[in-house]
Amino acid sequence: VEFVKRGGAGRGSVLLVGTGDSPGTLSFYKKCGFAPSHVVKDFFT
């Protein structure tokens, strides 16, 4: 995540990540500096 954040994947102004409603995964991304953005209903189903 830090590699991508520092620009290793190219230029950008916003980095998005989509994941399921899993407490451990959401906690990991929040600790990396991500904040809630939006929800796509019924994506996985």
PDB file of all heavy atoms in Angstrom:
ATOM      1  N   VAL A   1       0.846  -1.203   0.000  1.00  0.00           N
ATOM      2  CA  VAL A   1       0.000   0.000   0.000  1.00  0.00           C
ATOM      3  C   VAL A   1       0.881   1.253   0.000  1.00  0.00           C
ATOM      4  O   VAL A   1       0.621   2.201  -0.749  1.00  0.00           O
ATOM      5  CB  VAL A   1      -0.974   0.010   1.196  1.00  0.00           C
ATOM      6  CG1 VAL A   1      -1.669   1.365   1.325  1.00  0.00           C
ATOM      7  CG2 VAL A   1      -2.009  -1.105   1.060  1.00  0.00           C
ATOM      8  N   GLU A   2       1.913   1.278   0.809  1.00  0.00           N
ATOM      9  CA  GLU A   2       2.820   2.432   0.863  1.00  0.00           C
ATOM     10  C   GLU A   2       3.493   2.657  -0.483  1.00  0.00           C
ATOM     11  O   GLU A   2       3.672   3.795  -0.919  1.00  0.00           O
ATOM     12  CB  GLU A   2       3.872   2.254   1.964  1.00  0.00           C
ATOM     13  CG  GLU A   2       3.330   2.445   3.356  1.00  0.00           C
ATOM     14  CD  GLU A   2       2.805   3.853   3.613  1.00  0.00           C
ATOM     15  OE1 GLU A   2       3.435   4.824   3.159  1.00  0.00           O
ATOM     16  OE2 GLU A   2       1.746   3.971   4.263  1.00  0.00           O
ATOM     17  N   PHE A   3       3.879   1.592  -1.162  1.00  0.00           N
ATOM     18  CA  PHE A   3       4.490   1.687  -2.485  1.00  0.00           C
ATOM     19  C   PHE A   3       3.539   2.385  -3.456  1.00  0.00           C
ATOM     20  O   PHE A   3       3.924   3.307  -4.174  1.00  0.00           O
ATOM     21  CB  PHE A   3       4.855   0.286  -2.992  1.00  0.00           C
ATOM     22  CG  PHE A   3       5.330   0.260  -4.412  1.00  0.00           C
ATOM     23  CD1 PHE A   3       6.639   0.582  -4.727  1.00  0.00           C
ATOM     24  CD2 PHE A   3       4.464  -0.098  -5.441  1.00  0.00           C
ATOM     25  CE1 PHE A   3       7.073   0.555  -6.043  1.00  0.00           C
ATOM     26  CE2 PHE A   3       4.886  -0.126  -6.756  1.00  0.00           C
ATOM     27  CZ  PHE A   3       6.205   0.199  -7.054  1.00  0.00           C
ATOM     28  N   VAL A   4       2.298   1.941  -3.469  1.00  0.00           N
ATOM     29  CA  VAL A   4       1.301   2.540  -4.355  1.00  0.00           C
ATOM     30  C   VAL A   4       1.050   3.989  -3.947  1.00  0.00           C
ATOM     31  O   VAL A   4       0.998   4.888  -4.793  1.00  0.00           O
ATOM     32  CB  VAL A   4      -0.006   1.719  -4.344  1.00  0.00           C
ATOM     33  CG1 VAL A   4      -1.100   2.414  -5.131  1.00  0.00           C
ATOM     34  CG2 VAL A   4       0.249   0.315  -4.877  1.00  0.00           C
ATOM     35  N   LYS A   5       0.940   4.224  -2.663  1.00  0.00           N
ATOM     36  CA  LYS A   5       0.676   5.564  -2.129  1.00  0.00           C
ATOM     37  C   LYS A   5       1.779   6.553  -2.515  1.00  0.00           C
ATOM     38  O   LYS A   5       1.511   7.704  -2.833  1.00  0.00           O
ATOM     39  CB  LYS A   5       0.564   5.458  -0.605  1.00  0.00           C
ATOM     40  CG  LYS A   5       0.224   6.707   0.117  1.00  0.00           C
ATOM     41  CD  LYS A   5       0.057   6.362   1.591  1.00  0.00           C
ATOM     42  CE  LYS A   5       0.182   7.536   2.493  1.00  0.00           C
ATOM     43  NZ  LYS A   5       0.034   7.158   3.898  1.00  0.00           N
ATOM     44  N   ARG A   6       3.016   6.093  -2.504  1.00  0.00           N
ATOM     45  CA  ARG A   6       4.156   6.962  -2.843  1.00  0.00           C
ATOM     46  C   ARG A   6       4.293   7.203  -4.339  1.00  0.00           C
ATOM     47  O   ARG A   6       5.215   7.878  -4.767  1.00  0.00           O
ATOM     48  CB  ARG A   6       5.455   6.341  -2.323  1.00  0.00           C
ATOM     49  CG  ARG A   6       5.646   6.446  -0.835  1.00  0.00           C
ATOM     50  CD  ARG A   6       7.072   6.070  -0.424  1.00  0.00           C
ATOM     51  NE  ARG A   6       7.622   4.945  -1.146  1.00  0.00           N
ATOM     52  CZ  ARG A   6       7.549   3.667  -0.759  1.00  0.00           C
ATOM     53  NH1 ARG A   6       6.943   3.347   0.355  1.00  0.00           N
ATOM     54  NH2 ARG A   6       8.079   2.715  -1.496  1.00  0.00           N
ATOM     55  N   GLY A   7       3.404   6.622  -5.124  1.00  0.00           N
ATOM     56  CA  GLY A   7       3.460   6.871  -6.558  1.00  0.00           C
ATOM     57  C   GLY A   7       4.093   5.765  -7.352  1.00  0.00           C
ATOM     58  O   GLY A   7       4.329   5.917  -8.542  1.00  0.00           O
ATOM     59  N   GLY A   8       4.359   4.640  -6.719  1.00  0.00           N
ATOM     60  CA  GLY A   8       4.972   3.543  -7.438  1.00  0.00           C
ATOM     61  C   GLY A   8       4.128   2.999  -8.573  1.00  0.00           C
ATOM     62  O   GLY A   8       4.644   2.388  -9.494  1.00  0.00           O
ATOM     63  N   ALA A   9       2.836   3.225  -8.527  1.00  0.00           N
ATOM     64  CA  ALA A   9       1.955   2.725  -9.577  1.00  0.00           C
ATOM     65  C   ALA A   9       1.608   3.803 -10.600  1.00  0.00           C
ATOM     66  O   ALA A   9       0.810   3.592 -11.483  1.00  0.00           O
ATOM     67  CB  ALA A   9       0.670   2.192  -8.951  1.00  0.00           C
ATOM     68  N   GLY A  10       2.229   4.959 -10.497  1.00  0.00           N
ATOM     69  CA  GLY A  10       1.949   6.045 -11.427  1.00  0.00           C
ATOM     70  C   GLY A  10       1.248   7.196 -10.743  1.00  0.00           C
ATOM     71  O   GLY A  10       0.920   7.137  -9.571  1.00  0.00           O
ATOM     72  N   ARG A  11       1.028   8.238 -11.504  1.00  0.00           N
ATOM     73  CA  ARG A  11       0.416   9.443 -10.962  1.00  0.00           C
ATOM     74  C   ARG A  11      -1.077   9.266 -10.723  1.00  0.00           C
ATOM     75  O   ARG A  11      -1.763   8.611 -11.477  1.00  0.00           O
ATOM     76  CB  ARG A  11       0.621  10.602 -11.922  1.00  0.00           C
ATOM     77  CG  ARG A  11       2.049  11.053 -12.007  1.00  0.00           C
ATOM     78  CD  ARG A  11       2.115  12.361 -12.797  1.00  0.00           C
ATOM     79  NE  ARG A  11       3.486  12.794 -12.897  1.00  0.00           N
ATOM     80  CZ  ARG A  11       4.108  13.537 -11.987  1.00  0.00           C
ATOM     81  NH1 ARG A  11       3.466  13.910 -10.914  1.00  0.00           N
ATOM     82  NH2 ARG A  11       5.349  13.901 -12.149  1.00  0.00           N
ATOM     83  N   GLY A  12      -1.515   9.895  -9.670  1.00  0.00           N
ATOM     84  CA  GLY A  12      -2.933   9.898  -9.354  1.00  0.00           C
ATOM     85  C   GLY A  12      -3.171  10.848  -8.199  1.00  0.00           C
ATOM     86  O   GLY A  12      -2.249  11.190  -7.462  1.00  0.00           O
ATOM     87  N   SER A  13      -4.414  11.285  -8.042  1.00  0.00           N
ATOM     88  CA  SER A  13      -4.739  12.175  -6.937  1.00  0.00           C
ATOM     89  C   SER A  13      -5.572  11.474  -5.868  1.00  0.00           C
ATOM     90  O   SER A  13      -5.630  11.911  -4.729  1.00  0.00           O
ATOM     91  CB  SER A  13      -5.488  13.409  -7.447  1.00  0.00           C
ATOM     92  OG  SER A  13      -6.653  13.020  -8.147  1.00  0.00           O
ATOM     93  N   VAL A  14      -6.204  10.347  -6.250  1.00  0.00           N
ATOM     94  CA  VAL A  14      -7.031   9.590  -5.323  1.00  0.00           C
ATOM     95  C   VAL A  14      -6.730   8.103  -5.524  1.00  0.00           C
ATOM     96  O   VAL A  14      -6.599   7.635  -6.651  1.00  0.00           O
ATOM     97  CB  VAL A  14      -8.537   9.840  -5.576  1.00  0.00           C
ATOM     98  CG1 VAL A  14      -9.405   8.931  -4.723  1.00  0.00           C
ATOM     99  CG2 VAL A  14      -8.885  11.289  -5.317  1.00  0.00           C
ATOM    100  N   LEU A  15      -6.645   7.386  -4.414  1.00  0.00           N
ATOM    101  CA  LEU A  15      -6.488   5.941  -4.458  1.00  0.00           C
ATOM    102  C   LEU A  15      -7.722   5.326  -3.814  1.00  0.00           C
ATOM    103  O   LEU A  15      -8.047   5.650  -2.669  1.00  0.00           O
ATOM    104  CB  LEU A  15      -5.223   5.506  -3.714  1.00  0.00           C
ATOM    105  CG  LEU A  15      -4.953   4.007  -3.617  1.00  0.00           C
ATOM    106  CD1 LEU A  15      -4.816   3.384  -5.013  1.00  0.00           C
ATOM    107  CD2 LEU A  15      -3.710   3.743  -2.779  1.00  0.00           C
ATOM    108  N   LEU A  16      -8.421   4.477  -4.553  1.00  0.00           N
ATOM    109  CA  LEU A  16      -9.602   3.775  -4.062  1.00  0.00           C
ATOM    110  C   LEU A  16      -9.257   2.317  -3.795  1.00  0.00           C
ATOM    111  O   LEU A  16      -8.388   1.749  -4.455  1.00  0.00           O
ATOM    112  CB  LEU A  16     -10.716   3.775  -5.105  1.00  0.00           C
ATOM    113  CG  LEU A  16     -11.492   5.054  -5.370  1.00  0.00           C
ATOM    114  CD1 LEU A  16     -12.485   4.825  -6.505  1.00  0.00           C
ATOM    115  CD2 LEU A  16     -12.224   5.513  -4.122  1.00  0.00           C
ATOM    116  N   VAL A  17      -9.971   1.727  -2.872  1.00  0.00           N
ATOM    117  CA  VAL A  17      -9.921   0.280  -2.670  1.00  0.00           C
ATOM    118  C   VAL A  17     -11.333  -0.161  -2.308  1.00  0.00           C
ATOM    119  O   VAL A  17     -12.023   0.500  -1.540  1.00  0.00           O
ATOM    120  CB  VAL A  17      -8.893  -0.130  -1.586  1.00  0.00           C
ATOM    121  CG1 VAL A  17      -9.262   0.400  -0.213  1.00  0.00           C
ATOM    122  CG2 VAL A  17      -8.717  -1.644  -1.549  1.00  0.00           C
ATOM    123  N   GLY A  18     -11.761  -1.273  -2.915  1.00  0.00           N
ATOM    124  CA  GLY A  18     -13.063  -1.836  -2.613  1.00  0.00           C
ATOM    125  C   GLY A  18     -12.881  -3.165  -1.909  1.00  0.00           C
ATOM    126  O   GLY A  18     -12.032  -3.966  -2.289  1.00  0.00           O
ATOM    127  N   THR A  19     -13.677  -3.399  -0.893  1.00  0.00           N
ATOM    128  CA  THR A  19     -13.559  -4.624  -0.122  1.00  0.00           C
ATOM    129  C   THR A  19     -14.916  -4.987   0.461  1.00  0.00           C
ATOM    130  O   THR A  19     -15.858  -4.205   0.407  1.00  0.00           O
ATOM    131  CB  THR A  19     -12.487  -4.474   0.988  1.00  0.00           C
ATOM    132  OG1 THR A  19     -12.240  -5.746   1.585  1.00  0.00           O
ATOM    133  CG2 THR A  19     -12.895  -3.461   2.030  1.00  0.00           C
ATOM    134  N   GLY A  20     -14.986  -6.161   1.021  1.00  0.00           N
ATOM    135  CA  GLY A  20     -16.219  -6.588   1.675  1.00  0.00           C
ATOM    136  C   GLY A  20     -16.333  -6.000   3.063  1.00  0.00           C
ATOM    137  O   GLY A  20     -15.394  -5.393   3.594  1.00  0.00           O
ATOM    138  N   ASP A  21     -17.489  -6.191   3.658  1.00  0.00           N
ATOM    139  CA  ASP A  21     -17.759  -5.683   5.005  1.00  0.00           C
ATOM    140  C   ASP A  21     -17.163  -6.640   6.038  1.00  0.00           C
ATOM    141  O   ASP A  21     -17.863  -7.315   6.779  1.00  0.00           O
ATOM    142  CB  ASP A  21     -19.266  -5.532   5.205  1.00  0.00           C
ATOM    143  CG  ASP A  21     -19.607  -4.854   6.518  1.00  0.00           C
ATOM    144  OD1 ASP A  21     -18.700  -4.275   7.139  1.00  0.00           O
ATOM    145  OD2 ASP A  21     -20.783  -4.923   6.926  1.00  0.00           O
ATOM    146  N   SER A  22     -15.841  -6.667   6.052  1.00  0.00           N
ATOM    147  CA  SER A  22     -15.095  -7.563   6.929  1.00  0.00           C
ATOM    148  C   SER A  22     -14.295  -6.706   7.906  1.00  0.00           C
ATOM    149  O   SER A  22     -13.432  -5.935   7.489  1.00  0.00           O
ATOM    150  CB  SER A  22     -14.171  -8.423   6.065  1.00  0.00           C
ATOM    151  OG  SER A  22     -13.251  -9.103   6.845  1.00  0.00           O
ATOM    152  N   PRO A  23     -14.584  -6.806   9.205  1.00  0.00           N
ATOM    153  CA  PRO A  23     -13.945  -5.918  10.178  1.00  0.00           C
ATOM    154  C   PRO A  23     -12.414  -5.901  10.108  1.00  0.00           C
ATOM    155  O   PRO A  23     -11.798  -4.839  10.162  1.00  0.00           O
ATOM    156  CB  PRO A  23     -14.431  -6.444  11.525  1.00  0.00           C
ATOM    157  CG  PRO A  23     -15.731  -7.103  11.226  1.00  0.00           C
ATOM    158  CD  PRO A  23     -15.574  -7.697   9.858  1.00  0.00           C
ATOM    159  N   GLY A  24     -11.797  -7.057   9.961  1.00  0.00           N
ATOM    160  CA  GLY A  24     -10.333  -7.104   9.921  1.00  0.00           C
ATOM    161  C   GLY A  24      -9.763  -6.396   8.714  1.00  0.00           C
ATOM    162  O   GLY A  24      -8.784  -5.642   8.814  1.00  0.00           O
ATOM    163  N   THR A  25     -10.370  -6.615   7.563  1.00  0.00           N
ATOM    164  CA  THR A  25      -9.888  -5.984   6.332  1.00  0.00           C
ATOM    165  C   THR A  25     -10.139  -4.481   6.361  1.00  0.00           C
ATOM    166  O   THR A  25      -9.259  -3.690   6.007  1.00  0.00           O
ATOM    167  CB  THR A  25     -10.570  -6.623   5.103  1.00  0.00           C
ATOM    168  OG1 THR A  25     -10.338  -8.034   5.145  1.00  0.00           O
ATOM    169  CG2 THR A  25     -10.012  -6.060   3.816  1.00  0.00           C
ATOM    170  N   LEU A  26     -11.323  -4.075   6.790  1.00  0.00           N
ATOM    171  CA  LEU A  26     -11.623  -2.644   6.875  1.00  0.00           C
ATOM    172  C   LEU A  26     -10.666  -1.950   7.850  1.00  0.00           C
ATOM    173  O   LEU A  26     -10.171  -0.854   7.567  1.00  0.00           O
ATOM    174  CB  LEU A  26     -13.077  -2.428   7.301  1.00  0.00           C
ATOM    175  CG  LEU A  26     -14.127  -2.800   6.249  1.00  0.00           C
ATOM    176  CD1 LEU A  26     -15.519  -2.777   6.861  1.00  0.00           C
ATOM    177  CD2 LEU A  26     -14.041  -1.873   5.047  1.00  0.00           C
ATOM    178  N   SER A  27     -10.383  -2.581   8.966  1.00  0.00           N
ATOM    179  CA  SER A  27      -9.451  -2.023   9.948  1.00  0.00           C
ATOM    180  C   SER A  27      -8.056  -1.864   9.350  1.00  0.00           C
ATOM    181  O   SER A  27      -7.400  -0.842   9.554  1.00  0.00           O
ATOM    182  CB  SER A  27      -9.402  -2.930  11.183  1.00  0.00           C
ATOM    183  OG  SER A  27      -8.412  -2.488  12.074  1.00  0.00           O
ATOM    184  N   PHE A  28      -7.606  -2.865   8.601  1.00  0.00           N
ATOM    185  CA  PHE A  28      -6.290  -2.792   7.942  1.00  0.00           C
ATOM    186  C   PHE A  28      -6.215  -1.565   7.031  1.00  0.00           C
ATOM    187  O   PHE A  28      -5.278  -0.776   7.113  1.00  0.00           O
ATOM    188  CB  PHE A  28      -6.012  -4.068   7.141  1.00  0.00           C
ATOM    189  CG  PHE A  28      -4.857  -3.921   6.183  1.00  0.00           C
ATOM    190  CD1 PHE A  28      -3.555  -3.970   6.654  1.00  0.00           C
ATOM    191  CD2 PHE A  28      -5.081  -3.720   4.835  1.00  0.00           C
ATOM    192  CE1 PHE A  28      -2.483  -3.818   5.784  1.00  0.00           C
ATOM    193  CE2 PHE A  28      -4.021  -3.569   3.958  1.00  0.00           C
ATOM    194  CZ  PHE A  28      -2.713  -3.613   4.423  1.00  0.00           C
ATOM    195  N   TYR A  29      -7.202  -1.402   6.169  1.00  0.00           N
ATOM    196  CA  TYR A  29      -7.162  -0.284   5.220  1.00  0.00           C
ATOM    197  C   TYR A  29      -7.268   1.065   5.935  1.00  0.00           C
ATOM    198  O   TYR A  29      -6.602   2.028   5.552  1.00  0.00           O
ATOM    199  CB  TYR A  29      -8.239  -0.434   4.148  1.00  0.00           C
ATOM    200  CG  TYR A  29      -7.872  -1.475   3.116  1.00  0.00           C
ATOM    201  CD1 TYR A  29      -8.666  -2.592   2.914  1.00  0.00           C
ATOM    202  CD2 TYR A  29      -6.714  -1.351   2.350  1.00  0.00           C
ATOM    203  CE1 TYR A  29      -8.321  -3.554   1.972  1.00  0.00           C
ATOM    204  CE2 TYR A  29      -6.361  -2.303   1.411  1.00  0.00           C
ATOM    205  CZ  TYR A  29      -7.162  -3.398   1.225  1.00  0.00           C
ATOM    206  OH  TYR A  29      -6.824  -4.351   0.305  1.00  0.00           O
ATOM    207  N   LYS A  30      -8.062   1.134   6.980  1.00  0.00           N
ATOM    208  CA  LYS A  30      -8.158   2.389   7.737  1.00  0.00           C
ATOM    209  C   LYS A  30      -6.828   2.717   8.405  1.00  0.00           C
ATOM    210  O   LYS A  30      -6.400   3.867   8.416  1.00  0.00           O
ATOM    211  CB  LYS A  30      -9.300   2.314   8.748  1.00  0.00           C
ATOM    212  CG  LYS A  30     -10.661   2.383   8.074  1.00  0.00           C
ATOM    213  CD  LYS A  30     -11.797   2.217   9.060  1.00  0.00           C
ATOM    214  CE  LYS A  30     -13.135   2.245   8.321  1.00  0.00           C
ATOM    215  NZ  LYS A  30     -14.264   2.004   9.226  1.00  0.00           N
ATOM    216  N   LYS A  31      -6.128   1.710   8.923  1.00  0.00           N
ATOM    217  CA  LYS A  31      -4.804   1.934   9.519  1.00  0.00           C
ATOM    218  C   LYS A  31      -3.786   2.380   8.475  1.00  0.00           C
ATOM    219  O   LYS A  31      -2.809   3.049   8.810  1.00  0.00           O
ATOM    220  CB  LYS A  31      -4.308   0.666  10.219  1.00  0.00           C
ATOM    221  CG  LYS A  31      -5.034   0.379  11.506  1.00  0.00           C
ATOM    222  CD  LYS A  31      -4.548  -0.924  12.125  1.00  0.00           C
ATOM    223  CE  LYS A  31      -5.354  -1.266  13.368  1.00  0.00           C
ATOM    224  NZ  LYS A  31      -4.990  -2.583  13.906  1.00  0.00           N
ATOM    225  N   CYS A  32      -4.020   2.026   7.216  1.00  0.00           N
ATOM    226  CA  CYS A  32      -3.135   2.452   6.123  1.00  0.00           C
ATOM    227  C   CYS A  32      -3.445   3.866   5.656  1.00  0.00           C
ATOM    228  O   CYS A  32      -2.732   4.408   4.810  1.00  0.00           O
ATOM    229  CB  CYS A  32      -3.249   1.483   4.945  1.00  0.00           C
ATOM    230  SG  CYS A  32      -2.468  -0.117   5.218  1.00  0.00           S
ATOM    231  N   GLY A  33      -4.519   4.463   6.171  1.00  0.00           N
ATOM    232  CA  GLY A  33      -4.843   5.837   5.810  1.00  0.00           C
ATOM    233  C   GLY A  33      -6.065   6.027   4.933  1.00  0.00           C
ATOM    234  O   GLY A  33      -6.357   7.142   4.511  1.00  0.00           O
ATOM    235  N   PHE A  34      -6.790   4.962   4.655  1.00  0.00           N
ATOM    236  CA  PHE A  34      -7.996   5.075   3.840  1.00  0.00           C
ATOM    237  C   PHE A  34      -9.170   5.514   4.715  1.00  0.00           C
ATOM    238  O   PHE A  34      -9.219   5.196   5.902  1.00  0.00           O
ATOM    239  CB  PHE A  34      -8.351   3.726   3.204  1.00  0.00           C
ATOM    240  CG  PHE A  34      -7.457   3.324   2.063  1.00  0.00           C
ATOM    241  CD1 PHE A  34      -6.305   2.589   2.306  1.00  0.00           C
ATOM    242  CD2 PHE A  34      -7.764   3.663   0.757  1.00  0.00           C
ATOM    243  CE1 PHE A  34      -5.479   2.199   1.263  1.00  0.00           C
ATOM    244  CE2 PHE A  34      -6.945   3.286  -0.291  1.00  0.00           C
ATOM    245  CZ  PHE A  34      -5.796   2.549  -0.032  1.00  0.00           C
ATOM    246  N   ALA A  35     -10.128   6.211   4.097  1.00  0.00           N
ATOM    247  CA  ALA A  35     -11.348   6.651   4.769  1.00  0.00           C
ATOM    248  C   ALA A  35     -12.546   6.170   3.947  1.00  0.00           C
ATOM    249  O   ALA A  35     -12.442   5.993   2.730  1.00  0.00           O
ATOM    250  CB  ALA A  35     -11.373   8.176   4.878  1.00  0.00           C
ATOM    251  N   PRO A  36     -13.695   5.971   4.590  1.00  0.00           N
ATOM    252  CA  PRO A  36     -14.880   5.515   3.850  1.00  0.00           C
ATOM    253  C   PRO A  36     -15.220   6.447   2.692  1.00  0.00           C
ATOM    254  O   PRO A  36     -15.089   7.666   2.796  1.00  0.00           O
ATOM    255  CB  PRO A  36     -15.984   5.534   4.909  1.00  0.00           C
ATOM    256  CG  PRO A  36     -15.260   5.384   6.211  1.00  0.00           C
ATOM    257  CD  PRO A  36     -13.960   6.123   6.028  1.00  0.00           C
ATOM    258  N   SER A  37     -15.666   5.859   1.589  1.00  0.00           N
ATOM    259  CA  SER A  37     -16.034   6.627   0.406  1.00  0.00           C
ATOM    260  C   SER A  37     -17.490   6.371   0.016  1.00  0.00           C
ATOM    261  O   SER A  37     -18.324   7.244   0.136  1.00  0.00           O
ATOM    262  CB  SER A  37     -15.108   6.278  -0.764  1.00  0.00           C
ATOM    263  OG  SER A  37     -15.526   6.920  -1.943  1.00  0.00           O
ATOM    264  N   HIS A  38     -17.782   5.161  -0.454  1.00  0.00           N
ATOM    265  CA  HIS A  38     -19.136   4.837  -0.881  1.00  0.00           C
ATOM    266  C   HIS A  38     -19.336   3.323  -0.862  1.00  0.00           C
ATOM    267  O   HIS A  38     -18.388   2.573  -0.648  1.00  0.00           O
ATOM    268  CB  HIS A  38     -19.436   5.413  -2.268  1.00  0.00           C
ATOM    269  CG  HIS A  38     -18.544   4.894  -3.359  1.00  0.00           C
ATOM    270  ND1 HIS A  38     -17.233   5.325  -3.543  1.00  0.00           N
ATOM    271  CD2 HIS A  38     -18.762   3.969  -4.318  1.00  0.00           C
ATOM    272  CE1 HIS A  38     -16.700   4.689  -4.569  1.00  0.00           C
ATOM    273  NE2 HIS A  38     -17.604   3.856  -5.057  1.00  0.00           N
ATOM    274  N   VAL A  39     -20.575   2.896  -1.105  1.00  0.00           N
ATOM    275  CA  VAL A  39     -20.931   1.481  -1.067  1.00  0.00           C
ATOM    276  C   VAL A  39     -21.617   1.118  -2.378  1.00  0.00           C
ATOM    277  O   VAL A  39     -22.449   1.869  -2.882  1.00  0.00           O
ATOM    278  CB  VAL A  39     -21.882   1.190   0.121  1.00  0.00           C
ATOM    279  CG1 VAL A  39     -22.379  -0.245   0.099  1.00  0.00           C
ATOM    280  CG2 VAL A  39     -21.198   1.506   1.446  1.00  0.00           C
ATOM    281  N   VAL A  40     -21.264  -0.056  -2.919  1.00  0.00           N
ATOM    282  CA  VAL A  40     -21.979  -0.613  -4.066  1.00  0.00           C
ATOM    283  C   VAL A  40     -22.785  -1.794  -3.531  1.00  0.00           C
ATOM    284  O   VAL A  40     -22.231  -2.832  -3.172  1.00  0.00           O
ATOM    285  CB  VAL A  40     -21.007  -1.056  -5.187  1.00  0.00           C
ATOM    286  CG1 VAL A  40     -21.776  -1.701  -6.324  1.00  0.00           C
ATOM    287  CG2 VAL A  40     -20.194   0.140  -5.693  1.00  0.00           C
ATOM    288  N   LYS A  41     -24.098  -1.587  -3.457  1.00  0.00           N
ATOM    289  CA  LYS A  41     -24.998  -2.594  -2.892  1.00  0.00           C
ATOM    290  C   LYS A  41     -24.982  -3.885  -3.712  1.00  0.00           C
ATOM    291  O   LYS A  41     -24.944  -3.847  -4.948  1.00  0.00           O
ATOM    292  CB  LYS A  41     -26.435  -2.062  -2.839  1.00  0.00           C
ATOM    293  CG  LYS A  41     -26.636  -0.966  -1.830  1.00  0.00           C
ATOM    294  CD  LYS A  41     -26.646  -1.562  -0.460  1.00  0.00           C
ATOM    295  CE  LYS A  41     -27.167  -0.607   0.563  1.00  0.00           C
ATOM    296  NZ  LYS A  41     -26.970  -1.109   1.896  1.00  0.00           N
ATOM    297  N   ASP A  42     -25.016  -5.008  -3.018  1.00  0.00           N
ATOM    298  CA  ASP A  42     -25.146  -6.338  -3.607  1.00  0.00           C
ATOM    299  C   ASP A  42     -24.071  -6.696  -4.630  1.00  0.00           C
ATOM    300  O   ASP A  42     -24.280  -7.544  -5.493  1.00  0.00           O
ATOM    301  CB  ASP A  42     -26.536  -6.519  -4.235  1.00  0.00           C
ATOM    302  CG  ASP A  42     -27.632  -6.357  -3.210  1.00  0.00           C
ATOM    303  OD1 ASP A  42     -27.473  -6.877  -2.081  1.00  0.00           O
ATOM    304  OD2 ASP A  42     -28.645  -5.690  -3.515  1.00  0.00           O
ATOM    305  N   PHE A  43     -22.907  -6.073  -4.529  1.00  0.00           N
ATOM    306  CA  PHE A  43     -21.827  -6.350  -5.480  1.00  0.00           C
ATOM    307  C   PHE A  43     -21.421  -7.821  -5.443  1.00  0.00           C
ATOM    308  O   PHE A  43     -21.339  -8.485  -6.475  1.00  0.00           O
ATOM    309  CB  PHE A  43     -20.600  -5.474  -5.192  1.00  0.00           C
ATOM    310  CG  PHE A  43     -19.446  -5.741  -6.113  1.00  0.00           C
ATOM    311  CD1 PHE A  43     -19.371  -5.115  -7.340  1.00  0.00           C
ATOM    312  CD2 PHE A  43     -18.446  -6.643  -5.769  1.00  0.00           C
ATOM    313  CE1 PHE A  43     -18.321  -5.369  -8.209  1.00  0.00           C
ATOM    314  CE2 PHE A  43     -17.389  -6.912  -6.616  1.00  0.00           C
ATOM    315  CZ  PHE A  43     -17.321  -6.268  -7.844  1.00  0.00           C
ATOM    316  N   PHE A  44     -21.145  -8.336  -4.269  1.00  0.00           N
ATOM    317  CA  PHE A  44     -20.650  -9.712  -4.154  1.00  0.00           C
ATOM    318  C   PHE A  44     -21.731 -10.736  -4.495  1.00  0.00           C
ATOM    319  O   PHE A  44     -21.444 -11.756  -5.113  1.00  0.00           O
ATOM    320  CB  PHE A  44     -20.080  -9.974  -2.760  1.00  0.00           C
ATOM    321  CG  PHE A  44     -18.801  -9.232  -2.517  1.00  0.00           C
ATOM    322  CD1 PHE A  44     -18.796  -8.050  -1.794  1.00  0.00           C
ATOM    323  CD2 PHE A  44     -17.598  -9.687  -3.027  1.00  0.00           C
ATOM    324  CE1 PHE A  44     -17.625  -7.345  -1.573  1.00  0.00           C
ATOM    325  CE2 PHE A  44     -16.411  -8.990  -2.822  1.00  0.00           C
ATOM    326  CZ  PHE A  44     -16.429  -7.812  -2.091  1.00  0.00           C
ATOM    327  N   THR A  45     -22.969 -10.461  -4.118  1.00  0.00           N
ATOM    328  CA  THR A  45     -24.046 -11.412  -4.409  1.00  0.00           C
ATOM    329  C   THR A  45     -24.459 -11.353  -5.874  1.00  0.00           C
ATOM    330  O   THR A  45     -24.961 -12.334  -6.406  1.00  0.00           O
ATOM    331  CB  THR A  45     -25.265 -11.167  -3.497  1.00  0.00           C
ATOM    332  OG1 THR A  45     -25.664  -9.794  -3.603  1.00  0.00           O
ATOM    333  CG2 THR A  45     -24.937 -11.498  -2.057  1.00  0.00           C
TER     334      THR A  45
END
